[in-house]
Amino acid sequence: MNEGRVFQDSFARDFQGMSEFMSFLGERDNNSNWLVTPSKGIKFHPIEKGTTEGDIYLKLFEMAGEGEVVEDTMENTRLMMAFGGKDFPVRSCAVKTILERARISGNALNKVSCSALTEILNYCMDVASGESLVKVADSKISAVHGGDPKDYAILNMKELFQKVSEFLASEYPGNTFVTAHFDHAMSMAIWSLDGQADQIMDAYRKEIITRGLKRMEFTPALKFITSDVGMSGANLYPILLAGSQRRIVPLGMPIKTLHKSGANMDYFEEQLKMVYSRFQMALDNQIKLMDVEIRHPCETLIRVLKRIGAPKAASYDILDQFKGINGPTPCSAYELFMYMSEIIFNAQAEGASGQRITQIEDIVAKAISINWHDYDHSGDFTW
């Protein structure tokens, strides 16, 4: 976690109180702007340490009291973006949308020099049509979206979180704010639904007891993630929090609101009304996993982890942990899934970014919908 200066590309901060989080989002609103500009008028310049152009930009920004902003950019993207008669440093999270706006992609782009990349971008922007919607936040470019209303719909981040909080206060009284996270790629908050836990979890808990499965203290929770920079829509995730450490167990089936034409706060409020039914569907899927008997659990576990794209080293760590506790004894797919969820907790303990944690949650959730029997067989395994 880097709680340094907010302009830094690596800035990230966690919050333990809703009011503090909302106040912080308000500050971000006050320090950001959405600007529309012709795409053809956008130009990129390299700013690398020790170069004449880099030194000039550094001195110019130092005169304006923002020399540190340029220094941080030199450590990261090494890009400046010019439009409307102004030059702006480019933040790392903007690269994805810039490449999309320029309509270029490919792994080779990671290998070219900064100067070569700017030439490529400028050639592409010279022939681009229409307008671009640019987000400038905390002294840097954070995103470059399509400027047509049907390309990208702005959904104010603070207002979205406020809508979720108000909805839960009205429909799920007794809910508890757990945590929130901000970085320049995405923002996230989790609320535990303590007041409705018995109602939401009743059938699920009964199935665990009936099957004699290991009983854990689960609390239903809602995780909300959104992004202004193309990393995520305004997505609502039903999840479970396990034990006193509140380890996240993903349930899949997020309610997604894409930043596309027609998306607005009224539409998002309608999406919120789907939370309860989505919980029931997600928990029904967990119950179905309880009915899937696995004869070769160790082999199945590692094969499924590879199939869903889990990190290799983390997967073998989970396999070793499972072998030490369960061994080759047959079990259910549900039990294997619970072990898989430990990958998320381990990544958190290792200090993974909020964006990476969300990616791992999505990876683990993929295991819910696969055909487990396809991977339930003995034999050697090679990753």
Protein backbone atom coordinates (compact mmCIF):
# COMPACT_ATOMS: atom_id res chain seq x y z
CA MET A 1 0.00 0.00 0.00
CA ASN A 2 1.44 3.35 -1.08
CA GLU A 3 -0.18 6.24 0.80
CA GLY A 4 2.27 8.78 -0.58
CA ARG A 5 1.29 11.81 -2.60
CA VAL A 6 -2.07 11.40 -4.33
CA PHE A 7 -0.67 12.46 -7.74
CA GLN A 8 1.68 9.45 -7.77
CA ASP A 9 0.76 6.63 -10.14
CA SER A 10 1.23 4.10 -7.35
CA PHE A 11 -0.94 5.96 -4.82
CA ALA A 12 -3.38 3.69 -2.97
CA ARG A 13 -5.31 4.10 0.24
CA ASP A 14 -7.65 1.99 2.40
CA PHE A 15 -10.47 3.41 4.49
CA GLN A 16 -12.16 2.06 7.61
CA GLY A 17 -14.93 4.66 7.74
CA MET A 18 -17.56 5.59 5.17
CA SER A 19 -17.52 9.32 5.93
CA GLU A 20 -13.76 9.49 5.51
CA PHE A 21 -14.00 7.63 2.21
CA MET A 22 -16.76 9.89 0.88
CA SER A 23 -14.85 13.00 1.91
CA PHE A 24 -11.81 11.71 0.06
CA LEU A 25 -13.87 11.03 -3.09
CA GLY A 26 -15.20 14.56 -2.84
CA GLU A 27 -11.64 15.86 -2.83
CA ARG A 28 -10.90 13.82 -5.93
CA ASP A 29 -13.94 15.34 -7.65
CA ASN A 30 -12.67 18.81 -6.81
CA ASN A 31 -9.27 17.99 -8.28
CA SER A 32 -10.44 16.45 -11.55
CA ASN A 33 -12.06 17.54 -14.80
CA TRP A 34 -13.64 15.88 -17.81
CA LEU A 35 -12.59 17.60 -21.05
CA VAL A 36 -13.71 16.98 -24.64
CA THR A 37 -11.21 17.59 -27.44
CA PRO A 38 -10.81 16.60 -31.13
CA SER A 39 -8.89 13.34 -31.26
CA LYS A 40 -6.73 14.59 -34.15
CA GLY A 41 -5.45 17.41 -31.98
CA ILE A 42 -3.95 15.11 -29.35
CA LYS A 43 -0.16 14.78 -29.44
CA PHE A 44 2.21 12.74 -27.30
CA HIS A 45 5.79 13.54 -26.30
CA PRO A 46 8.40 11.46 -24.46
CA ILE A 47 9.77 12.79 -21.16
CA GLU A 48 12.73 10.68 -20.20
CA LYS A 49 15.36 11.47 -17.63
CA GLY A 50 18.53 13.03 -18.97
CA THR A 51 17.00 14.17 -22.28
CA THR A 52 16.65 17.75 -23.44
CA GLU A 53 12.87 17.48 -23.78
CA GLY A 54 12.56 15.86 -20.38
CA ASP A 55 14.64 18.57 -18.72
CA ILE A 56 12.55 21.31 -20.34
CA TYR A 57 9.28 19.82 -19.14
CA LEU A 58 10.71 19.32 -15.66
CA LYS A 59 11.78 22.97 -15.39
CA LEU A 60 8.44 24.23 -16.71
CA PHE A 61 6.48 22.19 -14.20
CA GLU A 62 8.85 23.11 -11.38
CA MET A 63 8.03 26.75 -12.06
CA ALA A 64 4.35 25.90 -11.58
CA GLY A 65 5.10 23.99 -8.37
CA GLU A 66 4.51 20.56 -9.95
CA GLY A 67 8.01 19.32 -10.60
CA GLU A 68 7.32 16.19 -8.54
CA VAL A 69 4.44 15.29 -10.86
CA VAL A 70 6.81 15.19 -13.84
CA GLU A 71 9.44 13.28 -11.84
CA ASP A 72 6.85 10.63 -10.98
CA THR A 73 5.79 10.41 -14.62
CA MET A 74 9.42 9.92 -15.65
CA GLU A 75 9.49 6.91 -13.34
CA ASN A 76 6.36 5.44 -14.92
CA THR A 77 4.82 6.14 -18.34
CA ARG A 78 7.42 8.74 -19.47
CA LEU A 79 4.65 10.28 -21.57
CA MET A 80 3.23 13.77 -21.96
CA MET A 81 -0.05 14.41 -23.73
CA ALA A 82 -0.76 17.77 -25.33
CA PHE A 83 -4.14 19.16 -26.42
CA GLY A 84 -5.97 22.45 -26.22
CA GLY A 85 -2.73 24.36 -25.83
CA LYS A 86 -1.73 22.52 -22.64
CA ASP A 87 0.62 19.68 -21.75
CA PHE A 88 -0.30 17.01 -19.21
CA PRO A 89 1.72 14.14 -17.72
CA VAL A 90 0.16 10.74 -18.45
CA ARG A 91 -0.69 8.42 -15.55
CA SER A 92 -0.14 4.67 -15.89
CA CYS A 93 -3.85 3.86 -15.65
CA ALA A 94 -4.48 5.99 -18.78
CA VAL A 95 -2.38 3.83 -21.10
CA LYS A 96 -5.15 1.26 -21.63
CA THR A 97 -7.68 3.80 -22.88
CA ILE A 98 -5.07 5.70 -24.90
CA LEU A 99 -4.18 2.55 -26.82
CA GLU A 100 -7.88 1.78 -27.31
CA ARG A 101 -8.52 5.31 -28.56
CA ALA A 102 -5.58 5.02 -30.96
CA ARG A 103 -6.93 1.59 -31.98
CA ILE A 104 -3.64 -0.21 -31.49
CA SER A 105 -2.71 -3.25 -29.43
CA GLY A 106 -0.15 -6.01 -29.15
CA ASN A 107 2.61 -7.22 -26.87
CA ALA A 108 5.24 -5.62 -29.10
CA LEU A 109 4.17 -2.20 -27.80
CA ASN A 110 5.70 -3.12 -24.44
CA LYS A 111 9.08 -3.58 -26.09
CA VAL A 112 9.40 -0.38 -28.12
CA SER A 113 11.15 2.70 -26.77
CA CYS A 114 9.19 5.60 -25.36
CA SER A 115 10.06 7.80 -28.33
CA ALA A 116 8.95 5.08 -30.76
CA LEU A 117 5.69 4.63 -28.87
CA THR A 118 4.92 8.35 -29.06
CA GLU A 119 5.53 8.31 -32.80
CA ILE A 120 3.14 5.38 -33.22
CA LEU A 121 0.50 7.05 -31.07
CA ASN A 122 0.81 10.33 -32.96
CA TYR A 123 0.49 8.63 -36.35
CA CYS A 124 -2.67 6.90 -35.16
CA MET A 125 -4.20 10.00 -33.58
CA ASP A 126 -3.51 12.00 -36.76
CA VAL A 127 -6.01 9.81 -38.62
CA ALA A 128 -8.46 9.42 -35.72
CA SER A 129 -11.97 10.73 -36.17
CA GLY A 130 -14.38 12.28 -33.73
CA GLU A 131 -13.65 13.58 -30.27
CA SER A 132 -12.03 12.21 -27.15
CA LEU A 133 -13.30 12.47 -23.59
CA VAL A 134 -10.29 13.08 -21.36
CA LYS A 135 -10.17 12.75 -17.59
CA VAL A 136 -7.57 14.93 -15.90
CA ALA A 137 -7.22 13.98 -12.24
CA ASP A 138 -4.72 15.20 -9.66
CA SER A 139 -2.48 16.86 -12.27
CA LYS A 140 -2.31 13.92 -14.70
CA ILE A 141 -4.22 12.34 -17.56
CA SER A 142 -6.06 9.34 -16.13
CA ALA A 143 -8.15 8.25 -19.12
CA VAL A 144 -8.87 9.02 -22.79
CA HIS A 145 -12.29 7.67 -23.79
CA GLY A 146 -14.34 8.10 -26.92
CA GLY A 147 -16.01 11.50 -26.88
CA ASP A 148 -19.34 10.50 -28.42
CA PRO A 149 -22.08 10.07 -25.76
CA LYS A 150 -22.64 6.49 -26.95
CA ASP A 151 -18.94 5.70 -26.44
CA TYR A 152 -18.67 6.41 -22.73
CA ALA A 153 -21.09 7.48 -20.03
CA ILE A 154 -19.69 9.34 -17.03
CA LEU A 155 -21.01 7.99 -13.74
CA ASN A 156 -19.82 10.13 -10.85
CA MET A 157 -17.88 7.92 -8.48
CA LYS A 158 -18.89 9.62 -5.25
CA GLU A 159 -22.56 9.62 -6.23
CA LEU A 160 -22.41 5.90 -7.08
CA PHE A 161 -21.03 4.99 -3.66
CA GLN A 162 -23.61 7.25 -2.04
CA LYS A 163 -26.41 5.47 -3.94
CA VAL A 164 -25.17 2.07 -2.74
CA SER A 165 -24.94 3.26 0.86
CA GLU A 166 -28.42 4.79 0.78
CA PHE A 167 -29.91 1.68 -0.84
CA LEU A 168 -28.40 -0.60 1.79
CA ALA A 169 -29.55 1.68 4.62
CA SER A 170 -33.09 1.49 3.27
CA GLU A 171 -33.33 -2.15 2.16
CA TYR A 172 -30.75 -3.84 4.38
CA PRO A 173 -30.92 -2.12 7.77
CA GLY A 174 -28.22 -3.27 10.13
CA ASN A 175 -25.58 -3.44 7.41
CA THR A 176 -22.02 -2.57 8.37
CA PHE A 177 -19.41 -0.70 6.37
CA VAL A 178 -16.35 -2.97 6.30
CA THR A 179 -13.69 -1.24 4.23
CA ALA A 180 -13.01 0.83 1.14
CA HIS A 181 -10.09 1.21 -1.20
CA PHE A 182 -8.98 3.82 -3.71
CA ASP A 183 -6.28 3.81 -6.32
CA HIS A 184 -6.16 5.58 -9.66
CA ALA A 185 -7.38 2.49 -11.53
CA MET A 186 -10.47 1.71 -9.43
CA SER A 187 -12.35 2.28 -6.20
CA MET A 188 -14.05 -0.33 -4.04
CA ALA A 189 -16.14 -0.66 -0.89
CA ILE A 190 -17.58 -3.61 1.05
CA TRP A 191 -20.63 -3.71 3.30
CA SER A 192 -21.56 -6.76 5.40
CA LEU A 193 -25.30 -7.42 5.42
CA ASP A 194 -25.50 -8.45 9.08
CA GLY A 195 -29.12 -7.43 9.56
CA GLN A 196 -30.39 -9.78 6.81
CA ALA A 197 -27.82 -12.54 7.23
CA ASP A 198 -30.29 -15.12 8.56
CA GLN A 199 -32.79 -14.43 5.79
CA ILE A 200 -30.21 -14.54 3.00
CA MET A 201 -28.22 -17.49 4.34
CA ASP A 202 -30.93 -19.74 5.82
CA ALA A 203 -31.18 -22.32 3.00
CA TYR A 204 -27.41 -22.30 2.47
CA ARG A 205 -26.65 -22.95 6.14
CA LYS A 206 -29.18 -25.78 6.29
CA GLU A 207 -27.56 -27.51 3.32
CA ILE A 208 -24.14 -27.33 4.99
CA ILE A 209 -25.53 -28.91 8.16
CA THR A 210 -27.46 -31.59 6.24
CA ARG A 211 -24.37 -32.65 4.33
CA GLY A 212 -22.12 -32.62 7.39
CA LEU A 213 -19.74 -30.14 5.79
CA LYS A 214 -17.32 -28.01 7.75
CA ARG A 215 -19.26 -25.20 9.35
CA MET A 216 -17.74 -21.75 9.04
CA GLU A 217 -19.12 -18.42 10.12
CA PHE A 218 -20.21 -16.80 6.87
CA THR A 219 -21.68 -13.33 6.54
CA PRO A 220 -23.26 -12.15 3.27
CA ALA A 221 -21.70 -8.94 1.97
CA LEU A 222 -21.90 -6.64 -1.00
CA LYS A 223 -18.78 -5.46 -2.76
CA PHE A 224 -19.04 -2.49 -5.10
CA ILE A 225 -16.29 -1.65 -7.59
CA THR A 226 -16.15 1.15 -10.11
CA SER A 227 -13.60 2.89 -12.30
CA ASP A 228 -13.41 6.03 -14.41
CA VAL A 229 -10.47 4.76 -16.44
CA GLY A 230 -11.89 1.74 -18.26
CA MET A 231 -10.82 -0.91 -15.75
CA SER A 232 -14.34 -1.73 -14.56
CA GLY A 233 -17.97 -0.81 -14.89
CA ALA A 234 -20.05 0.08 -11.84
CA ASN A 235 -20.25 -3.52 -10.64
CA LEU A 236 -22.02 -5.03 -7.63
CA TYR A 237 -20.65 -8.33 -6.33
CA PRO A 238 -22.45 -10.62 -3.89
CA ILE A 239 -19.74 -12.17 -1.70
CA LEU A 240 -19.33 -14.03 1.57
CA LEU A 241 -17.05 -12.95 4.39
CA ALA A 242 -15.60 -15.97 6.20
CA GLY A 243 -14.57 -16.11 9.84
CA SER A 244 -13.29 -13.39 12.14
CA GLN A 245 -10.73 -12.31 9.53
CA ARG A 246 -13.53 -11.74 7.03
CA ARG A 247 -11.84 -13.56 4.20
CA ILE A 248 -13.57 -12.95 0.88
CA VAL A 249 -15.32 -15.88 -0.80
CA PRO A 250 -16.41 -14.77 -4.29
CA LEU A 251 -19.81 -15.95 -5.50
CA GLY A 252 -19.59 -14.76 -9.09
CA MET A 253 -22.65 -13.36 -10.87
CA PRO A 254 -21.89 -9.64 -10.52
CA ILE A 255 -24.52 -7.06 -11.43
CA LYS A 256 -22.70 -4.97 -14.02
CA THR A 257 -23.43 -1.44 -15.18
CA LEU A 258 -21.21 -0.59 -18.12
CA HIS A 259 -20.13 2.98 -18.84
CA LYS A 260 -22.05 2.96 -22.10
CA SER A 261 -24.76 5.03 -23.74
CA GLY A 262 -27.92 4.99 -21.64
CA ALA A 263 -26.15 4.30 -18.36
CA ASN A 264 -27.15 6.83 -15.70
CA MET A 265 -27.98 6.99 -12.01
CA ASP A 266 -31.60 5.94 -12.58
CA TYR A 267 -30.44 2.82 -14.38
CA PHE A 268 -27.92 2.08 -11.63
CA GLU A 269 -30.65 2.35 -8.99
CA GLU A 270 -32.65 -0.26 -10.90
CA GLN A 271 -29.60 -2.50 -10.89
CA LEU A 272 -29.38 -2.21 -7.11
CA LYS A 273 -32.84 -3.75 -6.80
CA MET A 274 -31.42 -7.01 -8.15
CA VAL A 275 -29.08 -7.58 -5.20
CA TYR A 276 -31.28 -9.96 -3.21
CA SER A 277 -32.24 -12.16 -6.18
CA ARG A 278 -28.64 -12.29 -7.32
CA PHE A 279 -27.58 -13.47 -3.85
CA GLN A 280 -30.10 -16.30 -4.00
CA MET A 281 -28.92 -17.38 -7.44
CA ALA A 282 -25.27 -17.26 -6.37
CA LEU A 283 -25.89 -19.27 -3.19
CA ASP A 284 -27.91 -21.84 -5.18
CA ASN A 285 -24.80 -22.34 -7.30
CA GLN A 286 -22.77 -22.98 -4.14
CA ILE A 287 -25.29 -25.60 -3.06
CA LYS A 288 -24.97 -27.28 -6.45
CA LEU A 289 -21.21 -27.55 -5.89
CA MET A 290 -21.95 -29.45 -2.68
CA ASP A 291 -23.56 -32.18 -4.80
CA VAL A 292 -20.51 -32.63 -7.05
CA GLU A 293 -18.44 -35.51 -5.65
CA ILE A 294 -14.73 -35.38 -6.44
CA ARG A 295 -12.87 -38.71 -6.33
CA HIS A 296 -9.37 -37.34 -6.97
CA PRO A 297 -9.37 -34.02 -5.09
CA CYS A 298 -5.66 -33.15 -5.32
CA GLU A 299 -5.45 -33.73 -9.05
CA THR A 300 -8.78 -31.98 -9.62
CA LEU A 301 -7.81 -28.97 -7.53
CA ILE A 302 -4.62 -28.19 -9.43
CA ARG A 303 -6.17 -28.89 -12.84
CA VAL A 304 -9.08 -26.56 -12.16
CA LEU A 305 -6.76 -23.86 -10.85
CA LYS A 306 -4.81 -24.00 -14.09
CA ARG A 307 -8.00 -24.05 -16.16
CA ILE A 308 -9.36 -20.85 -14.60
CA GLY A 309 -6.03 -19.03 -14.93
CA ALA A 310 -5.00 -18.85 -11.27
CA PRO A 311 -1.40 -17.80 -10.52
CA LYS A 312 0.87 -20.85 -10.72
CA ALA A 313 2.88 -20.37 -7.50
CA ALA A 314 -0.23 -19.50 -5.49
CA SER A 315 -2.01 -22.56 -6.89
CA TYR A 316 0.71 -24.92 -5.75
CA ASP A 317 0.70 -23.28 -2.31
CA ILE A 318 -3.03 -24.02 -2.02
CA LEU A 319 -2.46 -27.58 -3.23
CA ASP A 320 0.18 -28.17 -0.55
CA GLN A 321 -2.15 -26.74 2.08
CA PHE A 322 -5.00 -28.97 0.91
CA LYS A 323 -2.84 -32.08 0.84
CA GLY A 324 -1.67 -31.43 4.38
CA ILE A 325 -5.22 -31.20 5.73
CA ASN A 326 -7.36 -33.38 3.46
CA GLY A 327 -4.98 -35.61 1.53
CA PRO A 328 -6.49 -37.90 -1.13
CA THR A 329 -9.83 -38.33 0.65
CA PRO A 330 -12.74 -37.70 -1.75
CA CYS A 331 -14.71 -34.54 -1.12
CA SER A 332 -17.11 -32.16 -2.85
CA ALA A 333 -16.36 -29.48 -5.42
CA TYR A 334 -17.70 -27.01 -2.87
CA GLU A 335 -14.93 -27.91 -0.42
CA LEU A 336 -12.30 -27.52 -3.12
CA PHE A 337 -13.75 -24.15 -4.07
CA MET A 338 -13.44 -22.96 -0.49
CA TYR A 339 -9.76 -23.86 -0.52
CA MET A 340 -9.32 -22.01 -3.80
CA SER A 341 -10.68 -18.86 -2.17
CA GLU A 342 -7.63 -18.84 0.10
CA ILE A 343 -5.66 -17.58 -2.91
CA ILE A 344 -7.44 -14.24 -2.47
CA PHE A 345 -6.55 -13.95 1.22
CA ASN A 346 -2.95 -14.92 0.53
CA ALA A 347 -2.66 -12.26 -2.17
CA GLN A 348 -4.03 -9.65 0.24
CA ALA A 349 -1.50 -10.71 2.87
CA GLU A 350 1.28 -10.30 0.31
CA GLY A 351 0.20 -6.72 -0.40
CA ALA A 352 -1.32 -7.17 -3.86
CA SER A 353 -3.00 -4.08 -5.30
CA GLY A 354 -6.76 -3.60 -5.15
CA GLN A 355 -6.96 -4.11 -8.89
CA ARG A 356 -5.02 -7.37 -8.67
CA ILE A 357 -7.19 -8.64 -5.81
CA THR A 358 -10.29 -8.01 -7.90
CA GLN A 359 -8.73 -9.88 -10.82
CA ILE A 360 -7.97 -12.87 -8.59
CA GLU A 361 -11.52 -12.85 -7.21
CA ASP A 362 -12.87 -12.98 -10.76
CA ILE A 363 -10.48 -15.81 -11.60
CA VAL A 364 -11.54 -17.89 -8.59
CA ALA A 365 -15.23 -17.25 -9.33
CA LYS A 366 -14.80 -18.90 -12.75
CA ALA A 367 -14.49 -22.25 -10.98
CA ILE A 368 -18.16 -22.07 -9.97
CA SER A 369 -19.42 -22.62 -13.51
CA ILE A 370 -16.99 -25.18 -14.92
CA ASN A 371 -17.70 -28.91 -15.31
CA TRP A 372 -15.63 -30.29 -12.43
CA HIS A 373 -15.95 -33.88 -13.60
CA ASP A 374 -13.82 -33.05 -16.65
CA TYR A 375 -10.86 -32.59 -14.30
CA ASP A 376 -11.57 -35.40 -11.82
CA HIS A 377 -9.19 -38.14 -12.86
CA SER A 378 -5.90 -39.57 -11.67
CA GLY A 379 -2.60 -39.28 -13.46
CA ASP A 380 0.43 -37.02 -13.64
CA PHE A 381 -0.10 -33.32 -14.08
CA THR A 382 2.13 -30.75 -15.77
CA TRP A 383 1.33 -27.05 -15.48
